[in-house]
């Protein structure tokens, strides 16, 4: 059995998929299988996979009806490795990704590493090294998601225990955040690697480009987990409102960066309605009223 099963959901991204598969084949660790879960693509996806003639690649046709978590769950069920890694068909891995992760895998349930965000070949940012002390359930709930699907590996048995990703359509684009929360609640052992080992590529077809849908999915995830929070601390109600405000603020920033200033102002206002003392929403909301130009990233 392979050490690692790589789950790659895809739909009509044949050329991007080919680059993703090349990054898998370039791994310095050869003990892997890759399960490409194809949502009945209408392009040349099948030809791209078959051209490799590599038995480590397995192509599975699976209808996910717009729920990418269902495709990932299908890949998990078909996997045979001790570890499961996730790679979206429009993202890439560094050649040492699997080797460096497996080198520190003993005693861990979940591995994570740093990641570059790239648009049109330009690196916009590199995620910071994650302090494992910050990966608690409460930190994830009140401070936001610190994991990227392309930058994690999880033991298969822990994913099975969690029943994989939630397939509720109301969580689409944030089903990964929900899974990380559930894993943290189960107190999995996390190990963080201080190396940039994956590339998240921004382009017009990224699911997160659907800004309002992504915002609502984030609010749904936060609401569900807060409502099920059993041991609440004194200021958790305040933290919860600030967290909801920051999710809406994130949508406002997306609209601002897309130069849709009318919607940006609306969502900055909505963010302040939820938590009037949100400092970022106050500052950038004011700037959005004063200027139609794009505002600096934060």
Foldseek 3Di string as FASTA:
>chain_A
DFQEEEEEEDAQPQVLLLQAVVLVVLAPDPRYAYEYEYQPHPDCNVVSQVVVVDVSYHYHYDNLPQQVQVSVLVSLVVDDHQKYAYDYSNKHWHNHLVVVCVVPVPPFFKEFEKAFEDEPRDTPDIQAFDDPVCLALVNCLLVHDRGDRNGMMGGSVLCVVVSTFDRPLLQGVNSVSLVSSVSNVVVGGYDIDHDHTMYHYDDDPPPCLVPVSNLRNSLVSSVVVVVVDDDDDDCVVVSSLLSNLVSLLVSLLSCLVVLVLVVSLVSLVVSCVSPVVNPVSVVVNVVSVVDSHRDDDD
